[in-house]
C-alpha atoms as a PDB file:
ATOM      1  CA  MET A   1      27.353  76.076 -15.556  1.00  0.00           C
ATOM      2  CA  LYS A   2      29.756  76.633 -13.039  1.00  0.00           C
ATOM      3  CA  LYS A   3      30.729  73.196 -10.862  1.00  0.00           C
ATOM      4  CA  LEU A   4      28.436  72.733  -8.415  1.00  0.00           C
ATOM      5  CA  ARG A   5      29.788  71.779  -4.794  1.00  0.00           C
ATOM      6  CA  ASP A   6      27.695  69.513  -2.291  1.00  0.00           C
ATOM      7  CA  ILE A   7      26.866  70.435   0.906  1.00  0.00           C
ATOM      8  CA  SER A   8      23.909  68.631   2.735  1.00  0.00           C
ATOM      9  CA  LEU A   9      21.493  66.225   2.387  1.00  0.00           C
ATOM     10  CA  ILE A  10      20.424  67.041   5.783  1.00  0.00           C
ATOM     11  CA  PHE A  11      21.166  63.281   5.936  1.00  0.00           C
ATOM     12  CA  ILE A  12      22.378  62.483   9.325  1.00  0.00           C
ATOM     13  CA  PHE A  13      25.156  59.941  10.138  1.00  0.00           C
ATOM     14  CA  ASP A  14      26.070  57.960  13.377  1.00  0.00           C
ATOM     15  CA  ALA A  15      26.216  60.723  16.035  1.00  0.00           C
ATOM     16  CA  ASP A  16      28.563  58.596  18.221  1.00  0.00           C
ATOM     17  CA  ALA A  17      31.081  57.115  15.413  1.00  0.00           C
ATOM     18  CA  TYR A  18      31.101  60.548  14.194  1.00  0.00           C
ATOM     19  CA  SER A  19      31.902  62.418  17.053  1.00  0.00           C
ATOM     20  CA  THR A  20      35.476  61.146  17.581  1.00  0.00           C
ATOM     21  CA  ILE A  21      36.418  62.619  14.353  1.00  0.00           C
ATOM     22  CA  ASP A  22      36.772  66.284  13.590  1.00  0.00           C
ATOM     23  CA  LEU A  23      35.339  66.709  10.184  1.00  0.00           C
ATOM     24  CA  PRO A  24      32.330  68.787   8.909  1.00  0.00           C
ATOM     25  CA  LYS A  25      29.091  67.137   8.952  1.00  0.00           C
ATOM     26  CA  TYR A  26      26.944  67.143   5.282  1.00  0.00           C
ATOM     27  CA  SER A  27      23.278  66.671   5.197  1.00  0.00           C
ATOM     28  CA  TYR A  28      20.528  66.834   2.285  1.00  0.00           C
ATOM     29  CA  MET A  29      17.058  67.524   2.401  1.00  0.00           C
ATOM     30  CA  ILE A  30      14.584  65.049   1.550  1.00  0.00           C
ATOM     31  CA  SER A  31      11.253  65.786  -0.031  1.00  0.00           C
ATOM     32  CA  GLU A  32       8.556  64.953  -2.573  1.00  0.00           C
ATOM     33  CA  HIS A  33      11.224  65.174  -5.297  1.00  0.00           C
ATOM     34  CA  PHE A  34      13.854  63.005  -3.700  1.00  0.00           C
ATOM     35  CA  GLY A  35      12.667  59.988  -1.970  1.00  0.00           C
ATOM     36  CA  TYR A  36       9.892  61.291   0.882  1.00  0.00           C
ATOM     37  CA  HIS A  37       6.587  61.961  -0.705  1.00  0.00           C
ATOM     38  CA  VAL A  38       4.894  65.041   0.817  1.00  0.00           C
ATOM     39  CA  ARG A  39       1.831  64.355  -0.555  1.00  0.00           C
ATOM     40  CA  ASN A  40       1.338  61.181   1.253  1.00  0.00           C
ATOM     41  CA  ILE A  41       3.035  62.059   4.859  1.00  0.00           C
ATOM     42  CA  ASP A  42      -0.466  62.763   6.439  1.00  0.00           C
ATOM     43  CA  LYS A  43      -0.987  58.501   5.843  1.00  0.00           C
ATOM     44  CA  ASP A  44       1.969  56.465   5.718  1.00  0.00           C
ATOM     45  CA  LEU A  45       5.473  56.001   4.088  1.00  0.00           C
ATOM     46  CA  ASN A  46       3.868  54.402   0.759  1.00  0.00           C
ATOM     47  CA  GLU A  47       7.076  54.821  -1.248  1.00  0.00           C
ATOM     48  CA  ARG A  48       9.446  52.829   1.135  1.00  0.00           C
ATOM     49  CA  LYS A  49      11.562  51.785  -1.776  1.00  0.00           C
ATOM     50  CA  ASP A  50      12.023  55.034  -2.720  1.00  0.00           C
ATOM     51  CA  PHE A  51      12.922  56.431   0.517  1.00  0.00           C
ATOM     52  CA  GLU A  52      15.655  53.614   1.325  1.00  0.00           C
ATOM     53  CA  ALA A  53      17.145  54.088  -2.272  1.00  0.00           C
ATOM     54  CA  ALA A  54      17.598  57.734  -1.551  1.00  0.00           C
ATOM     55  CA  ILE A  55      19.331  57.192   1.671  1.00  0.00           C
ATOM     56  CA  SER A  56      21.372  54.483   0.609  1.00  0.00           C
ATOM     57  CA  PHE A  57      22.293  56.789  -2.360  1.00  0.00           C
ATOM     58  CA  LEU A  58      23.153  59.963  -0.040  1.00  0.00           C
ATOM     59  CA  LYS A  59      25.364  57.876   2.254  1.00  0.00           C
ATOM     60  CA  GLU A  60      27.335  56.236  -0.733  1.00  0.00           C
ATOM     61  CA  SER A  61      27.912  59.725  -2.172  1.00  0.00           C
ATOM     62  CA  GLY A  62      29.405  61.007   1.266  1.00  0.00           C
ATOM     63  CA  TYR A  63      26.556  62.348   3.450  1.00  0.00           C
ATOM     64  CA  HIS A  64      26.227  62.000   6.498  1.00  0.00           C
ATOM     65  CA  GLY A  65      22.461  63.072   7.653  1.00  0.00           C
ATOM     66  CA  ILE A  66      19.396  63.769   6.067  1.00  0.00           C
ATOM     67  CA  MET A  67      16.551  66.250   6.900  1.00  0.00           C
ATOM     68  CA  ILE A  68      13.174  65.509   6.737  1.00  0.00           C
ATOM     69  CA  PRO A  69       9.504  67.120   6.754  1.00  0.00           C
ATOM     70  CA  LEU A  70       7.618  66.245   9.928  1.00  0.00           C
ATOM     71  CA  MET A  71       4.929  63.417   8.851  1.00  0.00           C
ATOM     72  CA  PHE A  72       1.315  64.703   9.614  1.00  0.00           C
ATOM     73  CA  ASN A  73       1.417  60.772  11.031  1.00  0.00           C
ATOM     74  CA  MET A  74       4.200  61.061  13.679  1.00  0.00           C
ATOM     75  CA  ASP A  75       3.720  57.937  14.389  1.00  0.00           C
ATOM     76  CA  VAL A  76       4.928  56.609  10.915  1.00  0.00           C
ATOM     77  CA  LEU A  77       7.854  58.819  11.366  1.00  0.00           C
ATOM     78  CA  VAL A  78       8.956  57.771  14.793  1.00  0.00           C
ATOM     79  CA  LYS A  79       8.800  54.158  14.465  1.00  0.00           C
ATOM     80  CA  GLU A  80       9.494  53.217  10.409  1.00  0.00           C
ATOM     81  CA  VAL A  81      11.336  56.206   9.510  1.00  0.00           C
ATOM     82  CA  LYS A  82      13.741  55.588  12.646  1.00  0.00           C
ATOM     83  CA  ASN A  83      14.163  51.802  11.707  1.00  0.00           C
ATOM     84  CA  ILE A  84      14.891  52.376   8.428  1.00  0.00           C
ATOM     85  CA  VAL A  85      17.817  55.192   9.059  1.00  0.00           C
ATOM     86  CA  GLU A  86      19.449  53.329  12.089  1.00  0.00           C
ATOM     87  CA  SER A  87      19.726  50.285   9.713  1.00  0.00           C
ATOM     88  CA  TYR A  88      21.600  52.319   7.051  1.00  0.00           C
ATOM     89  CA  GLY A  89      23.582  53.945  10.078  1.00  0.00           C
ATOM     90  CA  ILE A  90      22.139  57.421   9.368  1.00  0.00           C
ATOM     91  CA  ASN A  91      20.702  59.946  11.702  1.00  0.00           C
ATOM     92  CA  ILE A  92      18.272  62.992  10.905  1.00  0.00           C
ATOM     93  CA  SER A  93      19.392  66.572  11.339  1.00  0.00           C
ATOM     94  CA  GLY A  94      16.528  68.230  11.347  1.00  0.00           C
ATOM     95  CA  LEU A  95      12.975  68.057  11.151  1.00  0.00           C
ATOM     96  CA  ALA A  96      11.002  70.656   8.844  1.00  0.00           C
ATOM     97  CA  THR A  97       7.481  71.862   9.372  1.00  0.00           C
ATOM     98  CA  ASP A  98       6.774  74.225   6.465  1.00  0.00           C
ATOM     99  CA  HIS A  99       4.109  71.852   4.859  1.00  0.00           C
ATOM    100  CA  TYR A 100       1.858  72.424   7.685  1.00  0.00           C
ATOM    101  CA  TYR A 101       2.007  75.900   6.477  1.00  0.00           C
ATOM    102  CA  THR A 102       1.564  75.373   2.762  1.00  0.00           C
ATOM    103  CA  HIS A 103      -0.683  72.194   2.467  1.00  0.00           C
ATOM    104  CA  LEU A 104      -2.895  72.918   6.073  1.00  0.00           C
ATOM    105  CA  ASN A 105      -2.629  76.307   6.747  1.00  0.00           C
ATOM    106  CA  TYR A 106      -1.593  76.143  10.128  1.00  0.00           C
ATOM    107  CA  TYR A 107       0.254  78.644  11.607  1.00  0.00           C
ATOM    108  CA  LEU A 108       1.678  79.960  14.825  1.00  0.00           C
ATOM    109  CA  THR A 109       0.051  83.668  14.217  1.00  0.00           C
ATOM    110  CA  ASN A 110      -3.161  82.837  12.515  1.00  0.00           C
ATOM    111  CA  THR A 111      -6.061  85.022  13.589  1.00  0.00           C
ATOM    112  CA  ASN A 112      -8.012  82.128  13.676  1.00  0.00           C
ATOM    113  CA  SER A 113      -7.509  80.765  17.538  1.00  0.00           C
ATOM    114  CA  ALA A 114      -8.597  77.392  16.831  1.00  0.00           C
ATOM    115  CA  VAL A 115      -5.988  77.213  13.940  1.00  0.00           C
ATOM    116  CA  LYS A 116      -3.048  79.069  15.916  1.00  0.00           C
ATOM    117  CA  ALA A 117      -3.701  76.575  19.251  1.00  0.00           C
ATOM    118  CA  ARG A 118      -3.336  73.614  16.398  1.00  0.00           C
ATOM    119  CA  ALA A 119      -0.311  74.878  15.023  1.00  0.00           C
ATOM    120  CA  LEU A 120       1.214  75.282  18.327  1.00  0.00           C
ATOM    121  CA  ASP A 121      -0.009  71.732  19.601  1.00  0.00           C
ATOM    122  CA  ILE A 122       1.876  70.288  16.698  1.00  0.00           C
ATOM    123  CA  MET A 123       5.301  72.211  17.066  1.00  0.00           C
ATOM    124  CA  MET A 124       4.820  70.562  20.796  1.00  0.00           C
ATOM    125  CA  SER A 125       4.289  67.260  19.538  1.00  0.00           C
ATOM    126  CA  GLY A 126       7.126  67.877  17.226  1.00  0.00           C
ATOM    127  CA  ILE A 127       9.571  68.477  20.008  1.00  0.00           C
ATOM    128  CA  SER A 128       8.981  65.313  21.844  1.00  0.00           C
ATOM    129  CA  VAL A 129       9.667  63.946  17.919  1.00  0.00           C
ATOM    130  CA  SER A 130      12.962  65.348  17.946  1.00  0.00           C
ATOM    131  CA  ASP A 131      13.687  64.267  21.289  1.00  0.00           C
ATOM    132  CA  VAL A 132      13.290  60.405  19.918  1.00  0.00           C
ATOM    133  CA  LEU A 133      15.049  61.071  16.476  1.00  0.00           C
ATOM    134  CA  SER A 134      17.693  63.355  18.115  1.00  0.00           C
ATOM    135  CA  ALA A 135      16.940  65.667  15.902  1.00  0.00           C
ATOM    136  CA  PRO A 136      16.192  70.070  16.322  1.00  0.00           C
ATOM    137  CA  LEU A 137      12.395  71.207  15.129  1.00  0.00           C
ATOM    138  CA  ILE A 138      13.100  73.870  12.585  1.00  0.00           C
ATOM    139  CA  ILE A 139      10.434  77.033  13.042  1.00  0.00           C
ATOM    140  CA  GLY A 140      10.381  78.396   9.195  1.00  0.00           C
ATOM    141  CA  LEU A 141       6.861  79.026   7.458  1.00  0.00           C
ATOM    142  CA  ILE A 142       4.896  77.834  10.313  1.00  0.00           C
ATOM    143  CA  ARG A 143       5.453  81.128  12.080  1.00  0.00           C
ATOM    144  CA  GLY A 144       3.142  82.626   9.405  1.00  0.00           C
ATOM    145  CA  GLY A 145       3.346  84.661   5.983  1.00  0.00           C
ATOM    146  CA  ASN A 146       1.474  87.401   6.913  1.00  0.00           C
ATOM    147  CA  MET A 147       2.807  91.228   7.795  1.00  0.00           C
ATOM    148  CA  ARG A 148       3.937  92.235  10.848  1.00  0.00           C
ATOM    149  CA  ASP A 149       1.377  93.547  13.280  1.00  0.00           C
ATOM    150  CA  GLU A 150       1.717  94.118  17.404  1.00  0.00           C
ATOM    151  CA  LYS A 151      -1.117  91.017  18.109  1.00  0.00           C
ATOM    152  CA  SER A 152       0.946  88.726  15.704  1.00  0.00           C
ATOM    153  CA  ASN A 153       4.136  89.675  17.640  1.00  0.00           C
ATOM    154  CA  ILE A 154       2.974  88.885  20.839  1.00  0.00           C
ATOM    155  CA  TRP A 155       1.161  85.391  19.485  1.00  0.00           C
ATOM    156  CA  LEU A 156       4.517  84.354  18.178  1.00  0.00           C
ATOM    157  CA  HIS A 157       6.283  85.747  20.796  1.00  0.00           C
ATOM    158  CA  ALA A 158       4.568  83.273  23.433  1.00  0.00           C
ATOM    159  CA  ALA A 159       4.701  80.378  20.996  1.00  0.00           C
ATOM    160  CA  LEU A 160       8.216  80.761  20.746  1.00  0.00           C
ATOM    161  CA  LYS A 161       8.386  80.765  24.530  1.00  0.00           C
ATOM    162  CA  ILE A 162       6.132  77.442  25.361  1.00  0.00           C
ATOM    163  CA  LEU A 163       8.235  75.643  22.839  1.00  0.00           C
ATOM    164  CA  ASP A 164      11.397  76.608  24.623  1.00  0.00           C
ATOM    165  CA  LYS A 165      10.432  75.754  27.267  1.00  0.00           C
ATOM    166  CA  LYS A 166       9.455  72.230  26.498  1.00  0.00           C
ATOM    167  CA  ALA A 167      12.642  71.612  24.657  1.00  0.00           C
ATOM    168  CA  ARG A 168      14.334  72.777  27.957  1.00  0.00           C
ATOM    169  CA  ASP A 169      12.282  69.914  29.480  1.00  0.00           C
ATOM    170  CA  LEU A 170      13.479  67.198  27.032  1.00  0.00           C
ATOM    171  CA  ASN A 171      16.798  68.514  26.102  1.00  0.00           C
ATOM    172  CA  VAL A 172      16.013  69.109  22.666  1.00  0.00           C
ATOM    173  CA  GLN A 173      16.827  72.024  19.968  1.00  0.00           C
ATOM    174  CA  ILE A 174      14.511  74.271  18.147  1.00  0.00           C
ATOM    175  CA  LEU A 175      15.968  75.834  15.052  1.00  0.00           C
ATOM    176  CA  ILE A 176      14.583  79.341  13.740  1.00  0.00           C
ATOM    177  CA  GLU A 177      15.406  79.906  10.028  1.00  0.00           C
ATOM    178  CA  PRO A 178      15.223  83.371   8.725  1.00  0.00           C
ATOM    179  CA  LEU A 179      13.213  83.914   5.631  1.00  0.00           C
ATOM    180  CA  ASN A 180      13.045  86.599   2.784  1.00  0.00           C
ATOM    181  CA  HIS A 181      10.098  88.981   3.311  1.00  0.00           C
ATOM    182  CA  TYR A 182       8.352  87.703   0.112  1.00  0.00           C
ATOM    183  CA  GLU A 183       7.670  84.834   2.222  1.00  0.00           C
ATOM    184  CA  THR A 184       6.403  86.143   5.584  1.00  0.00           C
ATOM    185  CA  GLY A 185       6.779  89.244   7.526  1.00  0.00           C
ATOM    186  CA  TYR A 186       8.447  87.663  10.676  1.00  0.00           C
ATOM    187  CA  VAL A 187      11.896  87.496  11.152  1.00  0.00           C
ATOM    188  CA  ASN A 188      13.725  88.064   7.536  1.00  0.00           C
ATOM    189  CA  THR A 189      17.520  88.297   8.782  1.00  0.00           C
ATOM    190  CA  ILE A 190      20.524  86.695  11.080  1.00  0.00           C
ATOM    191  CA  ALA A 191      20.132  89.720  13.136  1.00  0.00           C
ATOM    192  CA  GLU A 192      16.296  89.313  14.012  1.00  0.00           C
ATOM    193  CA  ALA A 193      16.364  86.157  14.584  1.00  0.00           C
ATOM    194  CA  TYR A 194      19.325  86.342  17.081  1.00  0.00           C
ATOM    195  CA  ASP A 195      17.625  89.438  18.850  1.00  0.00           C
ATOM    196  CA  LEU A 196      14.568  88.095  19.216  1.00  0.00           C
ATOM    197  CA  ILE A 197      15.973  84.843  20.811  1.00  0.00           C
ATOM    198  CA  GLU A 198      18.407  87.002  23.219  1.00  0.00           C
ATOM    199  CA  ARG A 199      15.274  89.302  24.080  1.00  0.00           C
ATOM    200  CA  LEU A 200      13.120  86.844  25.036  1.00  0.00           C
ATOM    201  CA  GLU A 201      15.844  85.090  26.957  1.00  0.00           C
ATOM    202  CA  LEU A 202      15.961  81.184  24.887  1.00  0.00           C
ATOM    203  CA  GLU A 203      18.268  78.548  25.829  1.00  0.00           C
ATOM    204  CA  LYS A 204      17.434  75.988  23.627  1.00  0.00           C
ATOM    205  CA  THR A 205      16.626  77.674  20.626  1.00  0.00           C
ATOM    206  CA  GLY A 206      18.867  78.780  17.825  1.00  0.00           C
ATOM    207  CA  ILE A 207      19.111  79.867  14.277  1.00  0.00           C
ATOM    208  CA  LEU A 208      19.203  78.150  11.277  1.00  0.00           C
ATOM    209  CA  ILE A 209      20.549  80.248   8.173  1.00  0.00           C
ATOM    210  CA  ASN A 210      20.097  79.805   4.997  1.00  0.00           C
ATOM    211  CA  THR A 211      21.949  81.083   2.135  1.00  0.00           C
ATOM    212  CA  TYR A 212      19.519  81.767  -0.398  1.00  0.00           C
ATOM    213  CA  HIS A 213      17.400  83.958   1.791  1.00  0.00           C
ATOM    214  CA  MET A 214      20.804  85.418   3.198  1.00  0.00           C
ATOM    215  CA  ASN A 215      21.462  86.529  -0.425  1.00  0.00           C
ATOM    216  CA  ILE A 216      17.780  88.896  -0.491  1.00  0.00           C
ATOM    217  CA  GLU A 217      18.417  89.969   2.767  1.00  0.00           C
ATOM    218  CA  GLU A 218      21.370  90.423   4.084  1.00  0.00           C
ATOM    219  CA  GLY A 219      23.897  93.298   3.689  1.00  0.00           C
ATOM    220  CA  ASP A 220      26.903  90.975   3.586  1.00  0.00           C
ATOM    221  CA  TYR A 221      27.413  87.919   4.760  1.00  0.00           C
ATOM    222  CA  GLU A 222      30.399  88.450   7.365  1.00  0.00           C
ATOM    223  CA  ARG A 223      28.713  90.798   9.814  1.00  0.00           C
ATOM    224  CA  PRO A 224      25.213  88.928  10.439  1.00  0.00           C
ATOM    225  CA  ILE A 225      27.344  85.923  11.318  1.00  0.00           C
ATOM    226  CA  LEU A 226      29.818  87.546  13.374  1.00  0.00           C
ATOM    227  CA  HIS A 227      26.985  89.276  15.032  1.00  0.00           C
ATOM    228  CA  ALA A 228      24.972  85.773  15.895  1.00  0.00           C
ATOM    229  CA  ARG A 229      27.962  82.932  16.122  1.00  0.00           C
ATOM    230  CA  GLU A 230      26.934  81.644  19.016  1.00  0.00           C
ATOM    231  CA  LYS A 231      23.412  80.953  17.788  1.00  0.00           C
ATOM    232  CA  ILE A 232      24.541  79.843  14.553  1.00  0.00           C
ATOM    233  CA  TRP A 233      23.511  75.963  15.159  1.00  0.00           C
ATOM    234  CA  HIS A 234      22.672  74.764  11.568  1.00  0.00           C
ATOM    235  CA  VAL A 235      23.939  75.884   7.966  1.00  0.00           C
ATOM    236  CA  LYS A 236      21.664  75.556   4.725  1.00  0.00           C
ATOM    237  CA  PHE A 237      22.845  75.967   1.573  1.00  0.00           C
ATOM    238  CA  SER A 238      21.359  76.697  -1.810  1.00  0.00           C
ATOM    239  CA  ASP A 239      22.312  79.181  -4.619  1.00  0.00           C
ATOM    240  CA  ASN A 240      20.184  82.379  -5.245  1.00  0.00           C
ATOM    241  CA  ASN A 241      18.276  80.889  -7.781  1.00  0.00           C
ATOM    242  CA  ARG A 242      17.764  77.881  -5.780  1.00  0.00           C
ATOM    243  CA  LEU A 243      20.154  75.330  -7.747  1.00  0.00           C
ATOM    244  CA  PRO A 244      22.763  73.383  -6.119  1.00  0.00           C
ATOM    245  CA  PRO A 245      25.875  75.634  -4.289  1.00  0.00           C
ATOM    246  CA  GLY A 246      28.009  76.872  -7.594  1.00  0.00           C
ATOM    247  CA  PHE A 247      25.534  77.416  -9.903  1.00  0.00           C
ATOM    248  CA  GLY A 248      24.373  80.665  -9.284  1.00  0.00           C
ATOM    249  CA  HIS A 249      26.438  83.571  -7.905  1.00  0.00           C
ATOM    250  CA  ILE A 250      26.243  83.463  -3.851  1.00  0.00           C
ATOM    251  CA  ASP A 251      29.906  84.006  -2.524  1.00  0.00           C
ATOM    252  CA  PHE A 252      29.927  80.704  -0.887  1.00  0.00           C
ATOM    253  CA  GLU A 253      33.395  81.305  -0.367  1.00  0.00           C
ATOM    254  CA  SER A 254      32.751  84.686   2.127  1.00  0.00           C
ATOM    255  CA  ILE A 255      30.246  82.771   3.783  1.00  0.00           C
ATOM    256  CA  VAL A 256      32.259  79.685   4.645  1.00  0.00           C
ATOM    257  CA  GLY A 257      35.054  81.722   5.716  1.00  0.00           C
ATOM    258  CA  SER A 258      32.930  83.526   7.916  1.00  0.00           C
ATOM    259  CA  LEU A 259      31.426  80.754   9.647  1.00  0.00           C
ATOM    260  CA  LYS A 260      35.302  79.081  10.260  1.00  0.00           C
ATOM    261  CA  LYS A 261      36.119  82.220  12.007  1.00  0.00           C
ATOM    262  CA  VAL A 262      33.597  82.074  14.548  1.00  0.00           C
ATOM    263  CA  GLY A 263      34.791  78.716  14.837  1.00  0.00           C
ATOM    264  CA  TYR A 264      31.166  77.148  13.434  1.00  0.00           C
ATOM    265  CA  ASP A 265      31.367  73.307  13.570  1.00  0.00           C
ATOM    266  CA  GLY A 266      27.576  72.428  13.086  1.00  0.00           C
ATOM    267  CA  TRP A 267      25.512  70.769  10.028  1.00  0.00           C
ATOM    268  CA  TYR A 268      26.133  71.832   6.687  1.00  0.00           C
ATOM    269  CA  SER A 269      22.934  70.869   4.834  1.00  0.00           C
ATOM    270  CA  VAL A 270      21.659  71.434   1.021  1.00  0.00           C
ATOM    271  CA  GLU A 271      18.481  72.067   0.163  1.00  0.00           C
ATOM    272  CA  CYS A 272      17.822  72.870  -3.696  1.00  0.00           C
ATOM    273  CA  LEU A 273      15.788  72.006  -6.864  1.00  0.00           C
ATOM    274  CA  PRO A 274      16.407  68.807  -8.602  1.00  0.00           C
ATOM    275  CA  ARG A 275      17.964  69.825 -11.276  1.00  0.00           C
ATOM    276  CA  PRO A 276      18.903  67.948 -14.258  1.00  0.00           C
ATOM    277  CA  ASN A 277      17.602  65.503 -11.722  1.00  0.00           C
ATOM    278  CA  SER A 278      17.846  64.558  -7.745  1.00  0.00           C
ATOM    279  CA  ARG A 279      21.028  62.703  -7.945  1.00  0.00           C
ATOM    280  CA  ASP A 280      22.730  64.620  -9.931  1.00  0.00           C
ATOM    281  CA  ALA A 281      22.137  67.415  -8.182  1.00  0.00           C
ATOM    282  CA  ALA A 282      22.951  65.740  -4.293  1.00  0.00           C
ATOM    283  CA  ALA A 283      26.170  64.718  -6.477  1.00  0.00           C
ATOM    284  CA  VAL A 284      27.329  67.800  -7.570  1.00  0.00           C
ATOM    285  CA  SER A 285      26.570  69.347  -4.268  1.00  0.00           C
ATOM    286  CA  ILE A 286      28.447  66.943  -1.976  1.00  0.00           C
ATOM    287  CA  SER A 287      31.472  67.338  -4.498  1.00  0.00           C
ATOM    288  CA  PHE A 288      30.695  71.502  -3.708  1.00  0.00           C
ATOM    289  CA  LEU A 289      31.052  70.634  -0.155  1.00  0.00           C
ATOM    290  CA  ASN A 290      34.183  68.725  -0.538  1.00  0.00           C
ATOM    291  CA  GLU A 291      36.059  71.562  -2.582  1.00  0.00           C
ATOM    292  CA  MET A 292      34.623  74.260  -0.252  1.00  0.00           C
ATOM    293  CA  ILE A 293      34.760  73.026   3.185  1.00  0.00           C
ATOM    294  CA  GLY A 294      37.023  70.264   3.686  1.00  0.00           C
END
């Protein structure tokens, strides 16, 4: 295997202390594979020791932040998780919401009006949590996986406007993550995300680019980054096989070079399969990040 370079554990550092240092910010995704048990997030943080062990390992490895799923029990996230990450001098770089779609089938374009309303309510509550945790809320599969149709587009656009308004009121960020067409019929490319944000005049909504999905959807890496430069607010790394960056065939040098060209200075996060295990995947990823980005 080629040497892996680790980007981010979506593991956030102390923002005030870090703001004085002109260095890249690396984060890693906490998931059911590593310290954060999705199966239990509708109840409480049952595996606190695993969560703390993961955070301690990531911080010692050189990560500055963590990306985590928005808990079904948001009070636990705001209270217990916030206290834990603060005790380790770590912040949260992003709040993922895909599990509401994968576990509960909630999404913003659901044809069932009650479910659609519930999905929007969850996202509105998530923005309030984002305010408390100083972390952006990510719109991924929560937008829905069904194919494009006129009604669903109207529903999605209306929801995005409502969410952006609340984000403006609380001065927090929302991130749209372009996903490949095998997973959703809505917003597959960076250009589609950028053009949608511009067309709807969304002020607090930006783009999270994901190299795994870019590899499937983008004709090249540089053009879409140049096109959406001012709205790219977060970058997530994994290789074409979902392994840590450097274990597949994605041209990360081209991606990083394009991001540097446009002056990108946001988070670099890693979300990958835990192979050969979670700790090794995180360790090779941070090595990759340090080597590729500096």
